[in-house]
Amino acid sequence: MQLGLVGLGRMGANMVRRLQRGGHKCTVFDLNAENVKKLVSEGAGGASSLEDLVKQLSKPRVFWEMVPSGKPN
């Protein structure tokens, strides 16, 4: 399965790792580009924006969002 994941904090990043170990293809985005870069080095696809993430996924697109409540940092 191909998934787009948004939010690569502790929970989101570990979810990407688990999904990839299970054979899923993950493309990731986070407001912190360093979080994206780290997971790209571990085999995920990286996106530079939400729009870029959408463009990289095949239809039907599946997104998983892991973000805390409140204003973005």
N, C-alpha and C. Protein backbone atom coordinates (compact mmCIF):
# COMPACT_ATOMS: atom_id res chain seq x y z
N MET A 1 0.85 -1.18 0.00
CA MET A 1 0.00 0.00 0.00
C MET A 1 0.89 1.24 0.00
N GLN A 2 0.46 2.26 -0.70
CA GLN A 2 1.15 3.54 -0.72
C GLN A 2 0.40 4.51 0.19
N LEU A 3 1.14 5.15 1.10
CA LEU A 3 0.54 6.07 2.07
C LEU A 3 1.30 7.38 2.09
N GLY A 4 0.56 8.47 2.32
CA GLY A 4 1.16 9.76 2.58
C GLY A 4 0.99 10.06 4.05
N LEU A 5 2.08 10.33 4.74
CA LEU A 5 2.01 10.63 6.17
C LEU A 5 2.43 12.06 6.44
N VAL A 6 1.62 12.75 7.22
CA VAL A 6 1.87 14.15 7.59
C VAL A 6 2.05 14.19 9.09
N GLY A 7 3.15 14.79 9.53
CA GLY A 7 3.44 14.90 10.96
C GLY A 7 4.44 13.84 11.37
N LEU A 8 5.69 14.24 11.48
CA LEU A 8 6.76 13.28 11.72
C LEU A 8 7.44 13.48 13.07
N GLY A 9 6.63 13.76 14.08
CA GLY A 9 7.16 13.81 15.44
C GLY A 9 7.48 12.39 15.89
N ARG A 10 7.59 12.19 17.17
CA ARG A 10 7.95 10.87 17.69
C ARG A 10 6.97 9.79 17.22
N MET A 11 5.69 10.05 17.37
CA MET A 11 4.69 9.03 16.98
C MET A 11 4.62 8.86 15.47
N GLY A 12 4.57 9.97 14.73
CA GLY A 12 4.45 9.88 13.29
C GLY A 12 5.65 9.22 12.63
N ALA A 13 6.86 9.58 13.07
CA ALA A 13 8.08 8.99 12.50
C ALA A 13 8.14 7.50 12.78
N ASN A 14 7.79 7.09 14.00
CA ASN A 14 7.81 5.66 14.32
C ASN A 14 6.73 4.90 13.54
N MET A 15 5.61 5.54 13.27
CA MET A 15 4.57 4.90 12.47
C MET A 15 5.09 4.65 11.05
N VAL A 16 5.80 5.63 10.49
CA VAL A 16 6.39 5.45 9.16
C VAL A 16 7.33 4.25 9.17
N ARG A 17 8.18 4.18 10.16
CA ARG A 17 9.14 3.06 10.24
C ARG A 17 8.43 1.72 10.32
N ARG A 18 7.39 1.63 11.14
CA ARG A 18 6.64 0.37 11.25
C ARG A 18 5.96 0.00 9.94
N LEU A 19 5.34 0.98 9.31
CA LEU A 19 4.66 0.72 8.03
C LEU A 19 5.65 0.26 6.97
N GLN A 20 6.82 0.89 6.91
CA GLN A 20 7.82 0.50 5.93
C GLN A 20 8.34 -0.91 6.20
N ARG A 21 8.54 -1.25 7.47
CA ARG A 21 8.96 -2.62 7.80
C ARG A 21 7.91 -3.63 7.35
N GLY A 22 6.64 -3.21 7.34
CA GLY A 22 5.55 -4.08 6.91
C GLY A 22 5.38 -4.12 5.40
N GLY A 23 6.25 -3.44 4.67
CA GLY A 23 6.21 -3.50 3.21
C GLY A 23 5.43 -2.38 2.54
N HIS A 24 4.99 -1.39 3.29
CA HIS A 24 4.23 -0.28 2.71
C HIS A 24 5.18 0.81 2.22
N LYS A 25 4.77 1.51 1.17
CA LYS A 25 5.55 2.62 0.62
C LYS A 25 5.01 3.91 1.22
N CYS A 26 5.88 4.64 1.92
CA CYS A 26 5.46 5.86 2.59
C CYS A 26 6.12 7.09 1.96
N THR A 27 5.32 8.10 1.73
CA THR A 27 5.81 9.41 1.31
C THR A 27 5.42 10.35 2.43
N VAL A 28 6.37 11.17 2.88
CA VAL A 28 6.17 11.92 4.12
C VAL A 28 6.33 13.42 3.94
N PHE A 29 5.64 14.17 4.83
CA PHE A 29 5.77 15.62 4.89
C PHE A 29 5.66 16.07 6.34
N ASP A 30 6.45 17.09 6.67
CA ASP A 30 6.40 17.72 7.99
C ASP A 30 6.84 19.17 7.82
N LEU A 31 6.36 20.05 8.68
CA LEU A 31 6.79 21.45 8.63
C LEU A 31 8.29 21.58 8.89
N ASN A 32 8.86 20.63 9.61
CA ASN A 32 10.29 20.61 9.89
C ASN A 32 10.97 19.74 8.82
N ALA A 33 11.68 20.39 7.90
CA ALA A 33 12.32 19.67 6.79
C ALA A 33 13.34 18.64 7.27
N GLU A 34 13.95 18.85 8.43
CA GLU A 34 14.91 17.87 8.96
C GLU A 34 14.24 16.54 9.27
N ASN A 35 12.99 16.58 9.74
CA ASN A 35 12.26 15.34 10.01
C ASN A 35 12.03 14.57 8.72
N VAL A 36 11.70 15.28 7.65
CA VAL A 36 11.51 14.64 6.35
C VAL A 36 12.82 14.03 5.88
N LYS A 37 13.90 14.81 5.97
CA LYS A 37 15.21 14.35 5.50
C LYS A 37 15.65 13.07 6.21
N LYS A 38 15.40 12.99 7.51
CA LYS A 38 15.79 11.81 8.28
C LYS A 38 15.06 10.57 7.78
N LEU A 39 13.75 10.68 7.55
CA LEU A 39 13.01 9.51 7.10
C LEU A 39 13.30 9.16 5.64
N VAL A 40 13.63 10.15 4.84
CA VAL A 40 14.06 9.86 3.46
C VAL A 40 15.34 9.01 3.50
N SER A 41 16.25 9.33 4.42
CA SER A 41 17.49 8.55 4.55
C SER A 41 17.21 7.12 5.00
N GLU A 42 16.00 6.89 5.55
CA GLU A 42 15.60 5.55 5.99
C GLU A 42 14.71 4.86 4.97
N GLY A 43 14.55 5.47 3.78
CA GLY A 43 13.82 4.80 2.71
C GLY A 43 12.47 5.36 2.34
N ALA A 44 11.98 6.35 3.07
CA ALA A 44 10.69 6.95 2.72
C ALA A 44 10.87 7.92 1.56
N GLY A 45 9.78 8.22 0.88
CA GLY A 45 9.79 9.29 -0.11
C GLY A 45 9.50 10.59 0.61
N GLY A 46 10.12 11.67 0.18
CA GLY A 46 9.94 12.95 0.85
C GLY A 46 9.18 13.94 0.00
N ALA A 47 8.39 14.78 0.65
CA ALA A 47 7.64 15.85 -0.02
C ALA A 47 8.01 17.18 0.62
N SER A 48 8.06 18.22 -0.21
CA SER A 48 8.44 19.54 0.27
C SER A 48 7.24 20.39 0.70
N SER A 49 6.03 19.92 0.39
CA SER A 49 4.80 20.64 0.76
C SER A 49 3.64 19.66 0.70
N LEU A 50 2.50 20.09 1.20
CA LEU A 50 1.31 19.23 1.09
C LEU A 50 0.94 19.01 -0.37
N GLU A 51 1.07 20.06 -1.18
CA GLU A 51 0.77 19.95 -2.60
C GLU A 51 1.69 18.93 -3.27
N ASP A 52 2.97 18.97 -2.92
CA ASP A 52 3.94 18.02 -3.46
C ASP A 52 3.58 16.61 -3.03
N LEU A 53 3.16 16.44 -1.79
CA LEU A 53 2.76 15.12 -1.29
C LEU A 53 1.60 14.57 -2.11
N VAL A 54 0.60 15.38 -2.36
CA VAL A 54 -0.57 14.96 -3.14
C VAL A 54 -0.14 14.52 -4.54
N LYS A 55 0.74 15.28 -5.16
CA LYS A 55 1.19 14.97 -6.52
C LYS A 55 1.95 13.64 -6.60
N GLN A 56 2.63 13.28 -5.51
CA GLN A 56 3.45 12.07 -5.53
C GLN A 56 2.66 10.79 -5.31
N LEU A 57 1.44 10.89 -4.84
CA LEU A 57 0.66 9.69 -4.54
C LEU A 57 -0.27 9.33 -5.69
N SER A 58 -0.39 8.03 -5.92
CA SER A 58 -1.32 7.53 -6.93
C SER A 58 -2.73 7.51 -6.37
N LYS A 59 -3.72 7.64 -7.24
CA LYS A 59 -5.12 7.54 -6.81
C LYS A 59 -5.48 6.08 -6.62
N PRO A 60 -6.31 5.73 -5.67
CA PRO A 60 -6.89 6.60 -4.65
C PRO A 60 -5.82 6.93 -3.60
N ARG A 61 -5.74 8.18 -3.22
CA ARG A 61 -4.73 8.64 -2.28
C ARG A 61 -5.15 8.35 -0.84
N VAL A 62 -4.18 7.89 -0.06
CA VAL A 62 -4.42 7.59 1.35
C VAL A 62 -3.46 8.44 2.17
N PHE A 63 -4.01 9.21 3.12
CA PHE A 63 -3.21 10.07 3.99
C PHE A 63 -3.41 9.67 5.43
N TRP A 64 -2.35 9.77 6.19
CA TRP A 64 -2.40 9.54 7.63
C TRP A 64 -1.80 10.77 8.27
N GLU A 65 -2.54 11.42 9.15
CA GLU A 65 -2.09 12.66 9.75
C GLU A 65 -1.85 12.45 11.24
N MET A 66 -0.64 12.79 11.68
CA MET A 66 -0.25 12.66 13.09
C MET A 66 0.24 14.01 13.57
N VAL A 67 -0.68 14.85 13.97
CA VAL A 67 -0.29 16.18 14.42
C VAL A 67 -0.94 16.48 15.77
N PRO A 68 -0.24 17.23 16.61
CA PRO A 68 -0.82 17.60 17.91
C PRO A 68 -1.88 18.66 17.73
N SER A 69 -2.75 18.79 18.70
CA SER A 69 -3.75 19.84 18.64
C SER A 69 -3.09 21.19 18.87
N GLY A 70 -3.73 22.25 18.45
CA GLY A 70 -3.20 23.59 18.66
C GLY A 70 -2.52 24.13 17.42
N LYS A 71 -1.85 25.26 17.58
CA LYS A 71 -1.18 25.92 16.46
C LYS A 71 0.07 25.15 16.07
N PRO A 72 0.40 25.14 14.76
CA PRO A 72 1.65 24.47 14.34
C PRO A 72 2.87 25.23 14.83
N ASN A 73 3.93 24.50 15.08
CA ASN A 73 5.19 25.12 15.54
C ASN A 73 6.02 25.57 14.36
